[in-house]
Amino acid sequence: IEVIKGVSLKVSKGEHVVIFGPSGGGK
C-alpha cells in the first residue's frame, strides 16, 4: 500500500503549517 505518493512541501522559518484531511489519507 503506497501511503505517500510523491509529496513535496516547504516550511519556512516562522511559518505555521496546518495539515488536515480525512483519516487514513497519509497526514
PDB file of all heavy atoms in Angstrom:
ATOM      1  N   ILE A   1       0.843  -1.193   0.000  1.00  0.00           N
ATOM      2  CA  ILE A   1       0.000   0.000   0.000  1.00  0.00           C
ATOM      3  C   ILE A   1       0.879   1.245   0.000  1.00  0.00           C
ATOM      4  O   ILE A   1       1.660   1.474   0.933  1.00  0.00           O
ATOM      5  CB  ILE A   1      -0.931   0.021   1.223  1.00  0.00           C
ATOM      6  CG1 ILE A   1      -1.828  -1.224   1.213  1.00  0.00           C
ATOM      7  CG2 ILE A   1      -1.778   1.286   1.232  1.00  0.00           C
ATOM      8  CD1 ILE A   1      -2.677  -1.379   2.459  1.00  0.00           C
ATOM      9  N   GLU A   2       0.769   2.054  -1.040  1.00  0.00           N
ATOM     10  CA  GLU A   2       1.512   3.311  -1.103  1.00  0.00           C
ATOM     11  C   GLU A   2       0.715   4.372  -0.351  1.00  0.00           C
ATOM     12  O   GLU A   2      -0.383   4.753  -0.757  1.00  0.00           O
ATOM     13  CB  GLU A   2       1.749   3.738  -2.551  1.00  0.00           C
ATOM     14  CG  GLU A   2       2.708   4.910  -2.661  1.00  0.00           C
ATOM     15  CD  GLU A   2       3.044   5.283  -4.096  1.00  0.00           C
ATOM     16  OE1 GLU A   2       2.259   4.929  -5.013  1.00  0.00           O
ATOM     17  OE2 GLU A   2       4.077   5.935  -4.297  1.00  0.00           O
ATOM     18  N   VAL A   3       1.288   4.856   0.751  1.00  0.00           N
ATOM     19  CA  VAL A   3       0.588   5.788   1.637  1.00  0.00           C
ATOM     20  C   VAL A   3       0.880   7.230   1.257  1.00  0.00           C
ATOM     21  O   VAL A   3      -0.004   8.089   1.329  1.00  0.00           O
ATOM     22  CB  VAL A   3       0.991   5.518   3.104  1.00  0.00           C
ATOM     23  CG1 VAL A   3       0.322   6.512   4.047  1.00  0.00           C
ATOM     24  CG2 VAL A   3       0.624   4.094   3.494  1.00  0.00           C
ATOM     25  N   ILE A   4       2.119   7.519   0.865  1.00  0.00           N
ATOM     26  CA  ILE A   4       2.507   8.850   0.405  1.00  0.00           C
ATOM     27  C   ILE A   4       3.019   8.711  -1.028  1.00  0.00           C
ATOM     28  O   ILE A   4       3.933   7.936  -1.300  1.00  0.00           O
ATOM     29  CB  ILE A   4       3.593   9.467   1.303  1.00  0.00           C
ATOM     30  CG1 ILE A   4       3.071   9.632   2.732  1.00  0.00           C
ATOM     31  CG2 ILE A   4       4.048  10.814   0.752  1.00  0.00           C
ATOM     32  CD1 ILE A   4       1.913  10.598   2.885  1.00  0.00           C
ATOM     33  N   LYS A   5       2.433   9.495  -1.929  1.00  0.00           N
ATOM     34  CA  LYS A   5       2.632   9.271  -3.360  1.00  0.00           C
ATOM     35  C   LYS A   5       3.291  10.469  -4.044  1.00  0.00           C
ATOM     36  O   LYS A   5       2.696  11.114  -4.897  1.00  0.00           O
ATOM     37  CB  LYS A   5       1.280   8.966  -4.024  1.00  0.00           C
ATOM     38  CG  LYS A   5       0.524   7.804  -3.376  1.00  0.00           C
ATOM     39  CD  LYS A   5      -0.880   7.649  -3.942  1.00  0.00           C
ATOM     40  CE  LYS A   5      -1.631   6.516  -3.256  1.00  0.00           C
ATOM     41  NZ  LYS A   5      -3.020   6.389  -3.758  1.00  0.00           N
ATOM     42  N   GLY A   6       4.501  10.779  -3.599  1.00  0.00           N
ATOM     43  CA  GLY A   6       5.239  11.841  -4.264  1.00  0.00           C
ATOM     44  C   GLY A   6       4.856  13.228  -3.798  1.00  0.00           C
ATOM     45  O   GLY A   6       4.397  14.059  -4.584  1.00  0.00           O
ATOM     46  N   VAL A   7       5.074  13.507  -2.522  1.00  0.00           N
ATOM     47  CA  VAL A   7       4.701  14.797  -1.930  1.00  0.00           C
ATOM     48  C   VAL A   7       5.937  15.688  -1.800  1.00  0.00           C
ATOM     49  O   VAL A   7       6.999  15.240  -1.358  1.00  0.00           O
ATOM     50  CB  VAL A   7       4.056  14.597  -0.543  1.00  0.00           C
ATOM     51  CG1 VAL A   7       3.922  15.926   0.196  1.00  0.00           C
ATOM     52  CG2 VAL A   7       2.687  13.942  -0.698  1.00  0.00           C
ATOM     53  N   SER A   8       5.785  16.938  -2.161  1.00  0.00           N
ATOM     54  CA  SER A   8       6.810  17.958  -1.953  1.00  0.00           C
ATOM     55  C   SER A   8       6.206  19.084  -1.113  1.00  0.00           C
ATOM     56  O   SER A   8       5.070  19.495  -1.360  1.00  0.00           O
ATOM     57  CB  SER A   8       7.314  18.517  -3.287  1.00  0.00           C
ATOM     58  OG  SER A   8       7.963  17.510  -4.047  1.00  0.00           O
ATOM     59  N   LEU A   9       6.973  19.565  -0.134  1.00  0.00           N
ATOM     60  CA  LEU A   9       6.454  20.574   0.791  1.00  0.00           C
ATOM     61  C   LEU A   9       7.619  21.338   1.400  1.00  0.00           C
ATOM     62  O   LEU A   9       8.623  20.743   1.795  1.00  0.00           O
ATOM     63  CB  LEU A   9       5.641  19.901   1.905  1.00  0.00           C
ATOM     64  CG  LEU A   9       5.009  20.803   2.973  1.00  0.00           C
ATOM     65  CD1 LEU A   9       3.963  21.717   2.363  1.00  0.00           C
ATOM     66  CD2 LEU A   9       4.400  19.953   4.081  1.00  0.00           C
ATOM     67  N   LYS A  10       7.471  22.663   1.488  1.00  0.00           N
ATOM     68  CA  LYS A  10       8.477  23.507   2.122  1.00  0.00           C
ATOM     69  C   LYS A  10       7.866  24.181   3.350  1.00  0.00           C
ATOM     70  O   LYS A  10       6.703  24.587   3.333  1.00  0.00           O
ATOM     71  CB  LYS A  10       8.975  24.589   1.164  1.00  0.00           C
ATOM     72  CG  LYS A  10       9.755  24.076  -0.035  1.00  0.00           C
ATOM     73  CD  LYS A  10      10.177  25.244  -0.921  1.00  0.00           C
ATOM     74  CE  LYS A  10      10.892  24.765  -2.169  1.00  0.00           C
ATOM     75  NZ  LYS A  10      11.291  25.915  -3.045  1.00  0.00           N
ATOM     76  N   VAL A  11       8.677  24.297   4.397  1.00  0.00           N
ATOM     77  CA  VAL A  11       8.282  25.009   5.614  1.00  0.00           C
ATOM     78  C   VAL A  11       9.331  26.085   5.864  1.00  0.00           C
ATOM     79  O   VAL A  11      10.518  25.783   6.043  1.00  0.00           O
ATOM     80  CB  VAL A  11       8.202  24.065   6.824  1.00  0.00           C
ATOM     81  CG1 VAL A  11       7.778  24.843   8.068  1.00  0.00           C
ATOM     82  CG2 VAL A  11       7.239  22.910   6.551  1.00  0.00           C
ATOM     83  N   SER A  12       8.905  27.339   5.875  1.00  0.00           N
ATOM     84  CA  SER A  12       9.824  28.451   6.105  1.00  0.00           C
ATOM     85  C   SER A  12       9.922  28.772   7.589  1.00  0.00           C
ATOM     86  O   SER A  12       9.004  28.482   8.370  1.00  0.00           O
ATOM     87  CB  SER A  12       9.348  29.702   5.345  1.00  0.00           C
ATOM     88  OG  SER A  12       9.308  29.451   3.952  1.00  0.00           O
ATOM     89  N   LYS A  13      11.021  29.404   7.988  1.00  0.00           N
ATOM     90  CA  LYS A  13      11.207  29.784   9.375  1.00  0.00           C
ATOM     91  C   LYS A  13      10.101  30.737   9.808  1.00  0.00           C
ATOM     92  O   LYS A  13       9.762  31.688   9.111  1.00  0.00           O
ATOM     93  CB  LYS A  13      12.575  30.462   9.554  1.00  0.00           C
ATOM     94  CG  LYS A  13      12.894  30.820  10.995  1.00  0.00           C
ATOM     95  CD  LYS A  13      14.277  31.437  11.115  1.00  0.00           C
ATOM     96  CE  LYS A  13      14.586  31.802  12.561  1.00  0.00           C
ATOM     97  NZ  LYS A  13      15.930  32.422  12.703  1.00  0.00           N
ATOM     98  N   GLY A  14       9.504  30.454  10.957  1.00  0.00           N
ATOM     99  CA  GLY A  14       8.437  31.276  11.499  1.00  0.00           C
ATOM    100  C   GLY A  14       7.057  30.962  10.960  1.00  0.00           C
ATOM    101  O   GLY A  14       6.065  31.544  11.406  1.00  0.00           O
ATOM    102  N   GLU A  15       6.970  30.027  10.022  1.00  0.00           N
ATOM    103  CA  GLU A  15       5.690  29.699   9.386  1.00  0.00           C
ATOM    104  C   GLU A  15       4.916  28.687  10.230  1.00  0.00           C
ATOM    105  O   GLU A  15       5.490  27.855  10.929  1.00  0.00           O
ATOM    106  CB  GLU A  15       5.964  29.120   7.994  1.00  0.00           C
ATOM    107  CG  GLU A  15       4.725  28.973   7.123  1.00  0.00           C
ATOM    108  CD  GLU A  15       5.082  28.554   5.705  1.00  0.00           C
ATOM    109  OE1 GLU A  15       6.084  27.836   5.520  1.00  0.00           O
ATOM    110  OE2 GLU A  15       4.350  28.938   4.780  1.00  0.00           O
ATOM    111  N   HIS A  16       3.582  28.773  10.118  1.00  0.00           N
ATOM    112  CA  HIS A  16       2.696  27.834  10.804  1.00  0.00           C
ATOM    113  C   HIS A  16       1.919  27.069   9.731  1.00  0.00           C
ATOM    114  O   HIS A  16       1.011  27.612   9.105  1.00  0.00           O
ATOM    115  CB  HIS A  16       1.738  28.571  11.740  1.00  0.00           C
ATOM    116  CG  HIS A  16       2.424  29.563  12.619  1.00  0.00           C
ATOM    117  ND1 HIS A  16       1.992  30.863  12.766  1.00  0.00           N
ATOM    118  CD2 HIS A  16       3.556  29.456  13.359  1.00  0.00           C
ATOM    119  CE1 HIS A  16       2.801  31.510  13.584  1.00  0.00           C
ATOM    120  NE2 HIS A  16       3.765  30.679  13.951  1.00  0.00           N
ATOM    121  N   VAL A  17       2.305  25.830   9.537  1.00  0.00           N
ATOM    122  CA  VAL A  17       1.702  24.986   8.509  1.00  0.00           C
ATOM    123  C   VAL A  17       0.712  24.033   9.179  1.00  0.00           C
ATOM    124  O   VAL A  17       1.058  23.360  10.156  1.00  0.00           O
ATOM    125  CB  VAL A  17       2.778  24.179   7.746  1.00  0.00           C
ATOM    126  CG1 VAL A  17       2.130  23.239   6.732  1.00  0.00           C
ATOM    127  CG2 VAL A  17       3.752  25.124   7.048  1.00  0.00           C
ATOM    128  N   VAL A  18      -0.506  23.994   8.669  1.00  0.00           N
ATOM    129  CA  VAL A  18      -1.534  23.099   9.205  1.00  0.00           C
ATOM    130  C   VAL A  18      -1.888  22.077   8.128  1.00  0.00           C
ATOM    131  O   VAL A  18      -2.255  22.440   7.012  1.00  0.00           O
ATOM    132  CB  VAL A  18      -2.795  23.873   9.637  1.00  0.00           C
ATOM    133  CG1 VAL A  18      -3.881  22.894  10.093  1.00  0.00           C
ATOM    134  CG2 VAL A  18      -2.457  24.850  10.762  1.00  0.00           C
ATOM    135  N   ILE A  19      -1.750  20.799   8.484  1.00  0.00           N
ATOM    136  CA  ILE A  19      -2.092  19.708   7.580  1.00  0.00           C
ATOM    137  C   ILE A  19      -3.403  19.100   8.054  1.00  0.00           C
ATOM    138  O   ILE A  19      -3.543  18.727   9.224  1.00  0.00           O
ATOM    139  CB  ILE A  19      -0.978  18.642   7.575  1.00  0.00           C
ATOM    140  CG1 ILE A  19       0.349  19.256   7.107  1.00  0.00           C
ATOM    141  CG2 ILE A  19      -1.361  17.458   6.679  1.00  0.00           C
ATOM    142  CD1 ILE A  19       1.539  18.311   7.208  1.00  0.00           C
ATOM    143  N   PHE A  20      -4.362  19.002   7.152  1.00  0.00           N
ATOM    144  CA  PHE A  20      -5.659  18.430   7.511  1.00  0.00           C
ATOM    145  C   PHE A  20      -6.140  17.521   6.386  1.00  0.00           C
ATOM    146  O   PHE A  20      -5.594  17.518   5.280  1.00  0.00           O
ATOM    147  CB  PHE A  20      -6.681  19.527   7.811  1.00  0.00           C
ATOM    148  CG  PHE A  20      -7.070  20.374   6.617  1.00  0.00           C
ATOM    149  CD1 PHE A  20      -8.289  20.182   5.989  1.00  0.00           C
ATOM    150  CD2 PHE A  20      -6.231  21.377   6.127  1.00  0.00           C
ATOM    151  CE1 PHE A  20      -8.661  20.958   4.891  1.00  0.00           C
ATOM    152  CE2 PHE A  20      -6.590  22.156   5.047  1.00  0.00           C
ATOM    153  CZ  PHE A  20      -7.812  21.947   4.418  1.00  0.00           C
ATOM    154  N   GLY A  21      -7.174  16.743   6.681  1.00  0.00           N
ATOM    155  CA  GLY A  21      -7.699  15.830   5.677  1.00  0.00           C
ATOM    156  C   GLY A  21      -8.317  14.607   6.319  1.00  0.00           C
ATOM    157  O   GLY A  21      -8.293  14.448   7.548  1.00  0.00           O
ATOM    158  N   PRO A  22      -8.885  13.707   5.524  1.00  0.00           N
ATOM    159  CA  PRO A  22      -9.576  12.538   6.065  1.00  0.00           C
ATOM    160  C   PRO A  22      -8.620  11.565   6.739  1.00  0.00           C
ATOM    161  O   PRO A  22      -7.421  11.515   6.427  1.00  0.00           O
ATOM    162  CB  PRO A  22     -10.214  11.908   4.822  1.00  0.00           C
ATOM    163  CG  PRO A  22      -9.359  12.372   3.683  1.00  0.00           C
ATOM    164  CD  PRO A  22      -8.917  13.753   4.056  1.00  0.00           C
ATOM    165  N   SER A  23      -9.146  10.790   7.673  1.00  0.00           N
ATOM    166  CA  SER A  23      -8.350   9.758   8.333  1.00  0.00           C
ATOM    167  C   SER A  23      -7.858   8.749   7.300  1.00  0.00           C
ATOM    168  O   SER A  23      -8.582   8.394   6.372  1.00  0.00           O
ATOM    169  CB  SER A  23      -9.190   9.043   9.400  1.00  0.00           C
ATOM    170  OG  SER A  23      -9.589   9.957  10.408  1.00  0.00           O
ATOM    171  N   GLY A  24      -6.624   8.311   7.480  1.00  0.00           N
ATOM    172  CA  GLY A  24      -6.055   7.351   6.552  1.00  0.00           C
ATOM    173  C   GLY A  24      -5.509   7.954   5.285  1.00  0.00           C
ATOM    174  O   GLY A  24      -5.077   7.225   4.381  1.00  0.00           O
ATOM    175  N   GLY A  25      -5.492   9.283   5.200  1.00  0.00           N
ATOM    176  CA  GLY A  25      -5.039   9.937   3.977  1.00  0.00           C
ATOM    177  C   GLY A  25      -3.533  10.132   3.879  1.00  0.00           C
ATOM    178  O   GLY A  25      -3.030  10.538   2.834  1.00  0.00           O
ATOM    179  N   GLY A  26      -2.814   9.867   4.998  1.00  0.00           N
ATOM    180  CA  GLY A  26      -1.364   9.974   4.971  1.00  0.00           C
ATOM    181  C   GLY A  26      -0.794  11.135   5.763  1.00  0.00           C
ATOM    182  O   GLY A  26       0.428  11.362   5.733  1.00  0.00           O
ATOM    183  N   LYS A  27      -1.628  11.867   6.505  1.00  0.00           N
ATOM    184  CA  LYS A  27      -1.168  13.077   7.201  1.00  0.00           C
ATOM    185  C   LYS A  27      -0.065  12.772   8.209  1.00  0.00           C
ATOM    186  O   LYS A  27       0.985  13.414   8.210  1.00  0.00           O
ATOM    187  CB  LYS A  27      -2.345  13.758   7.918  1.00  0.00           C
ATOM    188  CG  LYS A  27      -3.549  14.080   7.063  1.00  0.00           C
ATOM    189  CD  LYS A  27      -4.603  14.814   7.855  1.00  0.00           C
ATOM    190  CE  LYS A  27      -5.127  14.057   9.060  1.00  0.00           C
ATOM    191  NZ  LYS A  27      -5.798  12.780   8.695  1.00  0.00           N
TER     192      LYS A  27
END
